[in-house]
């Protein structure tokens, strides 16, 4: 099992990666149920996602990268379920 020896710290790091949703506070309106966050918010942009994937490569940043990639993957699934698109391509 991954990170079994120190699962509490791993759990806390992964939960802390939900902080990238703070970029939603810069949007007007802050919450829009029909808006796809992937591709719309700065920390959910394609360049940011590429850097999150790159963070999974070094062992020292693997947990952070994994938490961010999982977050973006879940946001993409939410976009697909809510609006039928994986990301908003016309924002950036």
PDB file of N, CA and C in Angstrom:
ATOM      1  N   UNK A   1       0.847  -1.192   0.000  1.00  0.00           N
ATOM      2  CA  UNK A   1       0.000   0.000   0.000  1.00  0.00           C
ATOM      3  C   UNK A   1       0.881   1.240   0.000  1.00  0.00           C
ATOM      4  N   UNK A   2       0.490   2.226  -0.766  1.00  0.00           N
ATOM      5  CA  UNK A   2       1.272   3.452  -0.864  1.00  0.00           C
ATOM      6  C   UNK A   2       1.212   4.255   0.429  1.00  0.00           C
ATOM      7  N   UNK A   3       2.349   4.717   0.869  1.00  0.00           N
ATOM      8  CA  UNK A   3       2.470   5.608   2.026  1.00  0.00           C
ATOM      9  C   UNK A   3       1.873   5.010   3.291  1.00  0.00           C
ATOM     10  N   UNK A   4       1.904   3.704   3.435  1.00  0.00           N
ATOM     11  CA  UNK A   4       1.293   3.043   4.587  1.00  0.00           C
ATOM     12  C   UNK A   4       1.981   3.414   5.896  1.00  0.00           C
ATOM     13  N   UNK A   5       3.301   3.565   5.886  1.00  0.00           N
ATOM     14  CA  UNK A   5       4.029   3.811   7.129  1.00  0.00           C
ATOM     15  C   UNK A   5       3.706   5.174   7.738  1.00  0.00           C
ATOM     16  N   UNK A   6       3.351   6.132   6.936  1.00  0.00           N
ATOM     17  CA  UNK A   6       3.070   7.470   7.450  1.00  0.00           C
ATOM     18  C   UNK A   6       1.767   7.985   6.848  1.00  0.00           C
ATOM     19  N   UNK A   7       0.714   7.223   6.992  1.00  0.00           N
ATOM     20  CA  UNK A   7      -0.538   7.539   6.313  1.00  0.00           C
ATOM     21  C   UNK A   7      -1.191   8.809   6.843  1.00  0.00           C
ATOM     22  N   UNK A   8      -0.999   9.139   8.107  1.00  0.00           N
ATOM     23  CA  UNK A   8      -1.644  10.354   8.645  1.00  0.00           C
ATOM     24  C   UNK A   8      -1.089  11.615   7.993  1.00  0.00           C
ATOM     25  N   UNK A   9       0.226  11.685   7.887  1.00  0.00           N
ATOM     26  CA  UNK A   9       0.848  12.843   7.230  1.00  0.00           C
ATOM     27  C   UNK A   9       0.463  12.879   5.754  1.00  0.00           C
ATOM     28  N   UNK A  10       0.429  11.732   5.114  1.00  0.00           N
ATOM     29  CA  UNK A  10       0.026  11.664   3.707  1.00  0.00           C
ATOM     30  C   UNK A  10      -1.399  12.157   3.539  1.00  0.00           C
ATOM     31  N   UNK A  11      -2.274  11.738   4.424  1.00  0.00           N
ATOM     32  CA  UNK A  11      -3.674  12.164   4.389  1.00  0.00           C
ATOM     33  C   UNK A  11      -3.781  13.682   4.543  1.00  0.00           C
ATOM     34  N   UNK A  12      -3.054  14.243   5.489  1.00  0.00           N
ATOM     35  CA  UNK A  12      -3.114  15.685   5.716  1.00  0.00           C
ATOM     36  C   UNK A  12      -2.585  16.482   4.522  1.00  0.00           C
ATOM     37  N   UNK A  13      -1.526  15.991   3.899  1.00  0.00           N
ATOM     38  CA  UNK A  13      -0.997  16.677   2.705  1.00  0.00           C
ATOM     39  C   UNK A  13      -2.019  16.631   1.583  1.00  0.00           C
ATOM     40  N   UNK A  14      -2.626  15.470   1.376  1.00  0.00           N
ATOM     41  CA  UNK A  14      -3.611  15.336   0.299  1.00  0.00           C
ATOM     42  C   UNK A  14      -4.827  16.232   0.555  1.00  0.00           C
ATOM     43  N   UNK A  15      -5.288  16.304   1.781  1.00  0.00           N
ATOM     44  CA  UNK A  15      -6.426  17.169   2.120  1.00  0.00           C
ATOM     45  C   UNK A  15      -6.033  18.638   1.950  1.00  0.00           C
ATOM     46  N   UNK A  16      -4.798  18.994   2.291  1.00  0.00           N
ATOM     47  CA  UNK A  16      -4.348  20.379   2.155  1.00  0.00           C
ATOM     48  C   UNK A  16      -4.340  20.829   0.698  1.00  0.00           C
ATOM     49  N   UNK A  17      -4.261  19.899  -0.227  1.00  0.00           N
ATOM     50  CA  UNK A  17      -4.242  20.263  -1.644  1.00  0.00           C
ATOM     51  C   UNK A  17      -5.594  20.779  -2.122  1.00  0.00           C
ATOM     52  N   UNK A  18      -6.604  20.671  -1.312  1.00  0.00           N
ATOM     53  CA  UNK A  18      -7.900  21.263  -1.655  1.00  0.00           C
ATOM     54  C   UNK A  18      -7.831  22.787  -1.572  1.00  0.00           C
ATOM     55  N   UNK A  19      -6.723  23.309  -1.037  1.00  0.00           N
ATOM     56  CA  UNK A  19      -6.554  24.758  -0.928  1.00  0.00           C
ATOM     57  C   UNK A  19      -6.463  25.438  -2.291  1.00  0.00           C
ATOM     58  N   UNK A  20      -6.236  24.676  -3.368  1.00  0.00           N
ATOM     59  CA  UNK A  20      -6.200  25.332  -4.676  1.00  0.00           C
ATOM     60  C   UNK A  20      -7.574  25.862  -5.062  1.00  0.00           C
ATOM     61  N   UNK A  21      -8.596  25.481  -4.343  1.00  0.00           N
ATOM     62  CA  UNK A  21      -9.923  26.026  -4.609  1.00  0.00           C
ATOM     63  C   UNK A  21     -10.071  27.453  -4.108  1.00  0.00           C
ATOM     64  N   UNK A  22      -9.055  27.985  -3.442  1.00  0.00           N
ATOM     65  CA  UNK A  22      -9.125  29.379  -3.011  1.00  0.00           C
ATOM     66  C   UNK A  22      -9.172  30.331  -4.208  1.00  0.00           C
ATOM     67  N   UNK A  23      -8.727  29.872  -5.374  1.00  0.00           N
ATOM     68  CA  UNK A  23      -8.806  30.739  -6.557  1.00  0.00           C
ATOM     69  C   UNK A  23     -10.247  30.958  -7.004  1.00  0.00           C
ATOM     70  N   UNK A  24     -11.174  30.191  -6.490  1.00  0.00           N
ATOM     71  CA  UNK A  24     -12.590  30.400  -6.795  1.00  0.00           C
ATOM     72  C   UNK A  24     -13.078  31.726  -6.205  1.00  0.00           C
ATOM     73  N   UNK A  25     -12.402  32.201  -5.153  1.00  0.00           N
ATOM     74  CA  UNK A  25     -12.813  33.451  -4.514  1.00  0.00           C
ATOM     75  C   UNK A  25     -12.579  34.660  -5.423  1.00  0.00           C
ATOM     76  N   UNK A  26     -11.733  34.525  -6.436  1.00  0.00           N
ATOM     77  CA  UNK A  26     -11.463  35.629  -7.348  1.00  0.00           C
ATOM     78  C   UNK A  26     -12.497  35.712  -8.471  1.00  0.00           C
ATOM     79  N   UNK A  27     -13.341  34.700  -8.600  1.00  0.00           N
ATOM     80  CA  UNK A  27     -14.327  34.681  -9.686  1.00  0.00           C
ATOM     81  C   UNK A  27     -15.570  35.476  -9.302  1.00  0.00           C
ATOM     82  N   UNK A  28     -16.222  36.007 -10.309  1.00  0.00           N
ATOM     83  CA  UNK A  28     -17.483  36.714 -10.106  1.00  0.00           C
ATOM     84  C   UNK A  28     -18.522  36.042 -10.978  1.00  0.00           C
ATOM     85  N   UNK A  29     -19.554  35.474 -10.424  1.00  0.00           N
ATOM     86  CA  UNK A  29     -19.806  35.252  -9.003  1.00  0.00           C
ATOM     87  C   UNK A  29     -18.888  34.158  -8.461  1.00  0.00           C
ATOM     88  N   UNK A  30     -18.721  34.139  -7.145  1.00  0.00           N
ATOM     89  CA  UNK A  30     -17.833  33.160  -6.519  1.00  0.00           C
ATOM     90  C   UNK A  30     -18.296  31.747  -6.837  1.00  0.00           C
ATOM     91  N   UNK A  31     -19.588  31.503  -6.748  1.00  0.00           N
ATOM     92  CA  UNK A  31     -20.113  30.170  -7.052  1.00  0.00           C
ATOM     93  C   UNK A  31     -21.108  30.260  -8.192  1.00  0.00           C
ATOM     94  N   UNK A  32     -20.895  29.464  -9.189  1.00  0.00           N
ATOM     95  CA  UNK A  32     -21.813  29.346 -10.313  1.00  0.00           C
ATOM     96  C   UNK A  32     -21.989  27.853 -10.580  1.00  0.00           C
ATOM     97  N   UNK A  33     -23.163  27.310 -10.300  1.00  0.00           N
ATOM     98  CA  UNK A  33     -23.338  25.859 -10.429  1.00  0.00           C
ATOM     99  C   UNK A  33     -23.129  25.331 -11.842  1.00  0.00           C
ATOM    100  N   UNK A  34     -23.240  26.171 -12.849  1.00  0.00           N
ATOM    101  CA  UNK A  34     -23.067  25.713 -14.218  1.00  0.00           C
ATOM    102  C   UNK A  34     -21.655  25.905 -14.759  1.00  0.00           C
ATOM    103  N   UNK A  35     -20.766  26.466 -13.950  1.00  0.00           N
ATOM    104  CA  UNK A  35     -19.410  26.772 -14.417  1.00  0.00           C
ATOM    105  C   UNK A  35     -18.467  25.610 -14.142  1.00  0.00           C
ATOM    106  N   UNK A  36     -17.651  25.298 -15.117  1.00  0.00           N
ATOM    107  CA  UNK A  36     -16.614  24.279 -14.975  1.00  0.00           C
ATOM    108  C   UNK A  36     -15.349  24.974 -14.472  1.00  0.00           C
ATOM    109  N   UNK A  37     -14.817  24.520 -13.346  1.00  0.00           N
ATOM    110  CA  UNK A  37     -13.646  25.179 -12.774  1.00  0.00           C
ATOM    111  C   UNK A  37     -12.360  24.865 -13.525  1.00  0.00           C
ATOM    112  N   UNK A  38     -12.280  23.694 -14.162  1.00  0.00           N
ATOM    113  CA  UNK A  38     -11.067  23.308 -14.878  1.00  0.00           C
ATOM    114  C   UNK A  38     -10.972  24.116 -16.168  1.00  0.00           C
ATOM    115  N   UNK A  39      -9.937  24.930 -16.255  1.00  0.00           N
ATOM    116  CA  UNK A  39      -9.771  25.808 -17.400  1.00  0.00           C
ATOM    117  C   UNK A  39     -10.310  27.203 -17.151  1.00  0.00           C
ATOM    118  N   UNK A  40     -11.088  27.400 -16.102  1.00  0.00           N
ATOM    119  CA  UNK A  40     -11.655  28.719 -15.816  1.00  0.00           C
ATOM    120  C   UNK A  40     -10.826  29.461 -14.778  1.00  0.00           C
ATOM    121  N   UNK A  41     -10.522  28.808 -13.678  1.00  0.00           N
ATOM    122  CA  UNK A  41      -9.768  29.437 -12.591  1.00  0.00           C
ATOM    123  C   UNK A  41      -8.265  29.294 -12.843  1.00  0.00           C
ATOM    124  N   UNK A  42      -7.460  30.263 -12.381  1.00  0.00           N
ATOM    125  CA  UNK A  42      -6.018  30.239 -12.656  1.00  0.00           C
ATOM    126  C   UNK A  42      -5.301  28.973 -12.158  1.00  0.00           C
ATOM    127  N   UNK A  43      -5.635  28.488 -10.986  1.00  0.00           N
ATOM    128  CA  UNK A  43      -4.975  27.292 -10.466  1.00  0.00           C
ATOM    129  C   UNK A  43      -5.554  26.004 -11.046  1.00  0.00           C
ATOM    130  N   UNK A  44      -6.499  26.135 -11.960  1.00  0.00           N
ATOM    131  CA  UNK A  44      -7.090  24.993 -12.654  1.00  0.00           C
ATOM    132  C   UNK A  44      -6.820  25.078 -14.163  1.00  0.00           C
ATOM    133  N   UNK A  45      -5.860  25.903 -14.549  1.00  0.00           N
ATOM    134  CA  UNK A  45      -5.534  26.098 -15.961  1.00  0.00           C
ATOM    135  C   UNK A  45      -4.677  24.942 -16.485  1.00  0.00           C
ATOM    136  N   UNK A  46      -4.608  24.776 -17.802  1.00  0.00           N
ATOM    137  CA  UNK A  46      -3.792  23.690 -18.358  1.00  0.00           C
ATOM    138  C   UNK A  46      -2.322  23.762 -17.947  1.00  0.00           C
ATOM    139  N   UNK A  47      -1.748  24.955 -17.887  1.00  0.00           N
ATOM    140  CA  UNK A  47      -0.345  25.086 -17.466  1.00  0.00           C
ATOM    141  C   UNK A  47      -0.169  24.671 -16.006  1.00  0.00           C
ATOM    142  N   UNK A  48      -1.116  25.037 -15.165  1.00  0.00           N
ATOM    143  CA  UNK A  48      -1.042  24.640 -13.761  1.00  0.00           C
ATOM    144  C   UNK A  48      -1.158  23.124 -13.633  1.00  0.00           C
ATOM    145  N   UNK A  49      -2.070  22.532 -14.396  1.00  0.00           N
ATOM    146  CA  UNK A  49      -2.250  21.076 -14.350  1.00  0.00           C
ATOM    147  C   UNK A  49      -0.973  20.375 -14.804  1.00  0.00           C
ATOM    148  N   UNK A  50      -0.309  20.906 -15.808  1.00  0.00           N
ATOM    149  CA  UNK A  50       0.957  20.320 -16.262  1.00  0.00           C
ATOM    150  C   UNK A  50       2.012  20.378 -15.160  1.00  0.00           C
ATOM    151  N   UNK A  51       2.045  21.467 -14.424  1.00  0.00           N
ATOM    152  CA  UNK A  51       3.006  21.555 -13.320  1.00  0.00           C
ATOM    153  C   UNK A  51       2.639  20.599 -12.189  1.00  0.00           C
ATOM    154  N   UNK A  52       1.351  20.352 -11.968  1.00  0.00           N
ATOM    155  CA  UNK A  52       0.938  19.387 -10.941  1.00  0.00           C
ATOM    156  C   UNK A  52       1.385  17.980 -11.326  1.00  0.00           C
ATOM    157  N   UNK A  53       1.263  17.661 -12.598  1.00  0.00           N
ATOM    158  CA  UNK A  53       1.727  16.345 -13.072  1.00  0.00           C
ATOM    159  C   UNK A  53       3.238  16.242 -12.895  1.00  0.00           C
ATOM    160  N   UNK A  54       3.964  17.328 -13.186  1.00  0.00           N
ATOM    161  CA  UNK A  54       5.419  17.325 -13.012  1.00  0.00           C
ATOM    162  C   UNK A  54       5.800  17.148 -11.539  1.00  0.00           C
ATOM    163  N   UNK A  55       4.976  17.640 -10.624  1.00  0.00           N
ATOM    164  CA  UNK A  55       5.257  17.479  -9.194  1.00  0.00           C
ATOM    165  C   UNK A  55       5.168  16.024  -8.746  1.00  0.00           C
ATOM    166  N   UNK A  56       4.495  15.188  -9.497  1.00  0.00           N
ATOM    167  CA  UNK A  56       4.396  13.770  -9.110  1.00  0.00           C
ATOM    168  C   UNK A  56       5.680  13.006  -9.400  1.00  0.00           C
ATOM    169  N   UNK A  57       6.584  13.564 -10.185  1.00  0.00           N
ATOM    170  CA  UNK A  57       7.796  12.846 -10.580  1.00  0.00           C
ATOM    171  C   UNK A  57       8.857  12.761  -9.479  1.00  0.00           C
ATOM    172  N   UNK A  58       9.276  13.878  -8.863  1.00  0.00           N
ATOM    173  CA  UNK A  58      10.263  13.755  -7.784  1.00  0.00           C
ATOM    174  C   UNK A  58       9.618  13.173  -6.519  1.00  0.00           C
ATOM    175  N   UNK A  59      10.359  12.367  -5.823  1.00  0.00           N
ATOM    176  CA  UNK A  59       9.822  11.720  -4.616  1.00  0.00           C
ATOM    177  C   UNK A  59       9.440  12.740  -3.545  1.00  0.00           C
ATOM    178  N   UNK A  60      10.190  13.834  -3.452  1.00  0.00           N
ATOM    179  CA  UNK A  60       9.924  14.823  -2.396  1.00  0.00           C
ATOM    180  C   UNK A  60       8.595  15.547  -2.569  1.00  0.00           C
ATOM    181  N   UNK A  61       8.125  15.696  -3.798  1.00  0.00           N
ATOM    182  CA  UNK A  61       6.886  16.433  -4.049  1.00  0.00           C
ATOM    183  C   UNK A  61       5.770  15.528  -4.559  1.00  0.00           C
ATOM    184  N   UNK A  62       5.981  14.239  -4.517  1.00  0.00           N
ATOM    185  CA  UNK A  62       5.016  13.302  -5.096  1.00  0.00           C
ATOM    186  C   UNK A  62       3.642  13.397  -4.442  1.00  0.00           C
ATOM    187  N   UNK A  63       3.582  13.487  -3.112  1.00  0.00           N
ATOM    188  CA  UNK A  63       2.283  13.579  -2.440  1.00  0.00           C
ATOM    189  C   UNK A  63       1.531  14.843  -2.819  1.00  0.00           C
ATOM    190  N   UNK A  64       2.246  15.947  -2.880  1.00  0.00           N
ATOM    191  CA  UNK A  64       1.611  17.214  -3.258  1.00  0.00           C
ATOM    192  C   UNK A  64       1.072  17.115  -4.678  1.00  0.00           C
ATOM    193  N   UNK A  65       1.903  16.632  -5.588  1.00  0.00           N
ATOM    194  CA  UNK A  65       1.465  16.478  -6.971  1.00  0.00           C
ATOM    195  C   UNK A  65       0.300  15.528  -7.103  1.00  0.00           C
ATOM    196  N   UNK A  66       0.358  14.421  -6.379  1.00  0.00           N
ATOM    197  CA  UNK A  66      -0.728  13.442  -6.428  1.00  0.00           C
ATOM    198  C   UNK A  66      -2.033  14.037  -5.909  1.00  0.00           C
ATOM    199  N   UNK A  67      -1.962  14.785  -4.822  1.00  0.00           N
ATOM    200  CA  UNK A  67      -3.160  15.434  -4.294  1.00  0.00           C
ATOM    201  C   UNK A  67      -3.755  16.427  -5.272  1.00  0.00           C
ATOM    202  N   UNK A  68      -2.886  17.195  -5.938  1.00  0.00           N
ATOM    203  CA  UNK A  68      -3.374  18.180  -6.907  1.00  0.00           C
ATOM    204  C   UNK A  68      -3.943  17.520  -8.159  1.00  0.00           C
ATOM    205  N   UNK A  69      -3.294  16.467  -8.622  1.00  0.00           N
ATOM    206  CA  UNK A  69      -3.795  15.771  -9.812  1.00  0.00           C
ATOM    207  C   UNK A  69      -5.136  15.105  -9.512  1.00  0.00           C
ATOM    208  N   UNK A  70      -5.270  14.499  -8.346  1.00  0.00           N
ATOM    209  CA  UNK A  70      -6.551  13.897  -7.963  1.00  0.00           C
ATOM    210  C   UNK A  70      -7.628  14.972  -7.881  1.00  0.00           C
ATOM    211  N   UNK A  71      -7.291  16.126  -7.326  1.00  0.00           N
ATOM    212  CA  UNK A  71      -8.249  17.229  -7.225  1.00  0.00           C
ATOM    213  C   UNK A  71      -8.737  17.657  -8.614  1.00  0.00           C
ATOM    214  N   UNK A  72      -7.802  17.840  -9.545  1.00  0.00           N
ATOM    215  CA  UNK A  72      -8.170  18.257 -10.897  1.00  0.00           C
ATOM    216  C   UNK A  72      -8.983  17.166 -11.594  1.00  0.00           C
ATOM    217  N   UNK A  73      -8.610  15.902 -11.378  1.00  0.00           N
ATOM    218  CA  UNK A  73      -9.359  14.802 -11.989  1.00  0.00           C
ATOM    219  C   UNK A  73     -10.801  14.784 -11.484  1.00  0.00           C
ATOM    220  N   UNK A  74     -10.983  14.995 -10.200  1.00  0.00           N
ATOM    221  CA  UNK A  74     -12.343  15.022  -9.648  1.00  0.00           C
ATOM    222  C   UNK A  74     -13.126  16.229 -10.155  1.00  0.00           C
ATOM    223  N   UNK A  75     -12.457  17.380 -10.273  1.00  0.00           N
ATOM    224  CA  UNK A  75     -13.122  18.551 -10.840  1.00  0.00           C
ATOM    225  C   UNK A  75     -13.524  18.298 -12.297  1.00  0.00           C
ATOM    226  N   UNK A  76     -12.668  17.600 -13.041  1.00  0.00           N
ATOM    227  CA  UNK A  76     -12.993  17.280 -14.436  1.00  0.00           C
ATOM    228  C   UNK A  76     -14.190  16.350 -14.524  1.00  0.00           C
ATOM    229  N   UNK A  77     -14.244  15.374 -13.636  1.00  0.00           N
ATOM    230  CA  UNK A  77     -15.405  14.478 -13.601  1.00  0.00           C
ATOM    231  C   UNK A  77     -16.671  15.245 -13.262  1.00  0.00           C
ATOM    232  N   UNK A  78     -16.560  16.195 -12.353  1.00  0.00           N
ATOM    233  CA  UNK A  78     -17.708  17.021 -11.988  1.00  0.00           C
ATOM    234  C   UNK A  78     -18.164  17.851 -13.181  1.00  0.00           C
ATOM    235  N   UNK A  79     -17.211  18.404 -13.933  1.00  0.00           N
ATOM    236  CA  UNK A  79     -17.556  19.177 -15.133  1.00  0.00           C
ATOM    237  C   UNK A  79     -18.275  18.301 -16.145  1.00  0.00           C
ATOM    238  N   UNK A  80     -17.771  17.098 -16.327  1.00  0.00           N
ATOM    239  CA  UNK A  80     -18.377  16.185 -17.299  1.00  0.00           C
ATOM    240  C   UNK A  80     -19.801  15.813 -16.876  1.00  0.00           C
ATOM    241  N   UNK A  81     -19.988  15.571 -15.594  1.00  0.00           N
ATOM    242  CA  UNK A  81     -21.314  15.193 -15.105  1.00  0.00           C
ATOM    243  C   UNK A  81     -22.284  16.368 -15.157  1.00  0.00           C
ATOM    244  N   UNK A  82     -21.796  17.579 -14.865  1.00  0.00           N
ATOM    245  CA  UNK A  82     -22.685  18.738 -14.785  1.00  0.00           C
ATOM    246  C   UNK A  82     -22.983  19.365 -16.144  1.00  0.00           C
ATOM    247  N   UNK A  83     -21.963  19.440 -17.007  1.00  0.00           N
ATOM    248  CA  UNK A  83     -22.170  20.189 -18.247  1.00  0.00           C
ATOM    249  C   UNK A  83     -21.771  19.440 -19.511  1.00  0.00           C
ATOM    250  N   UNK A  84     -21.209  18.266 -19.378  1.00  0.00           N
ATOM    251  CA  UNK A  84     -20.849  17.483 -20.551  1.00  0.00           C
ATOM    252  C   UNK A  84     -19.524  17.852 -21.183  1.00  0.00           C
ATOM    253  N   UNK A  85     -18.716  18.698 -20.512  1.00  0.00           N
ATOM    254  CA  UNK A  85     -17.392  19.049 -21.015  1.00  0.00           C
ATOM    255  C   UNK A  85     -16.353  18.724 -19.948  1.00  0.00           C
ATOM    256  N   UNK A  86     -15.116  18.459 -20.376  1.00  0.00           N
ATOM    257  CA  UNK A  86     -14.046  18.138 -19.432  1.00  0.00           C
ATOM    258  C   UNK A  86     -13.387  19.382 -18.867  1.00  0.00           C
ATOM    259  N   UNK A  87     -13.325  20.457 -19.640  1.00  0.00           N
ATOM    260  CA  UNK A  87     -12.737  21.706 -19.187  1.00  0.00           C
ATOM    261  C   UNK A  87     -13.247  22.834 -20.060  1.00  0.00           C
ATOM    262  N   UNK A  88     -13.058  24.053 -19.586  1.00  0.00           N
ATOM    263  CA  UNK A  88     -13.447  25.248 -20.339  1.00  0.00           C
ATOM    264  C   UNK A  88     -12.226  25.687 -21.124  1.00  0.00           C
ATOM    265  N   UNK A  89     -12.301  25.663 -22.439  1.00  0.00           N
ATOM    266  CA  UNK A  89     -11.121  25.984 -23.235  1.00  0.00           C
ATOM    267  C   UNK A  89     -11.075  27.445 -23.683  1.00  0.00           C
ATOM    268  N   UNK A  90     -12.123  28.196 -23.497  1.00  0.00           N
ATOM    269  CA  UNK A  90     -12.143  29.564 -24.015  1.00  0.00           C
ATOM    270  C   UNK A  90     -11.777  30.612 -22.969  1.00  0.00           C
ATOM    271  N   UNK A  91     -11.487  30.231 -21.751  1.00  0.00           N
ATOM    272  CA  UNK A  91     -11.174  31.197 -20.696  1.00  0.00           C
ATOM    273  C   UNK A  91      -9.745  31.706 -20.807  1.00  0.00           C
ATOM    274  N   UNK A  92      -8.762  30.827 -20.981  1.00  0.00           N
ATOM    275  CA  UNK A  92      -7.347  31.240 -20.961  1.00  0.00           C
ATOM    276  C   UNK A  92      -6.821  31.302 -22.326  1.00  0.00           C
TER     277      UNK A  92
END
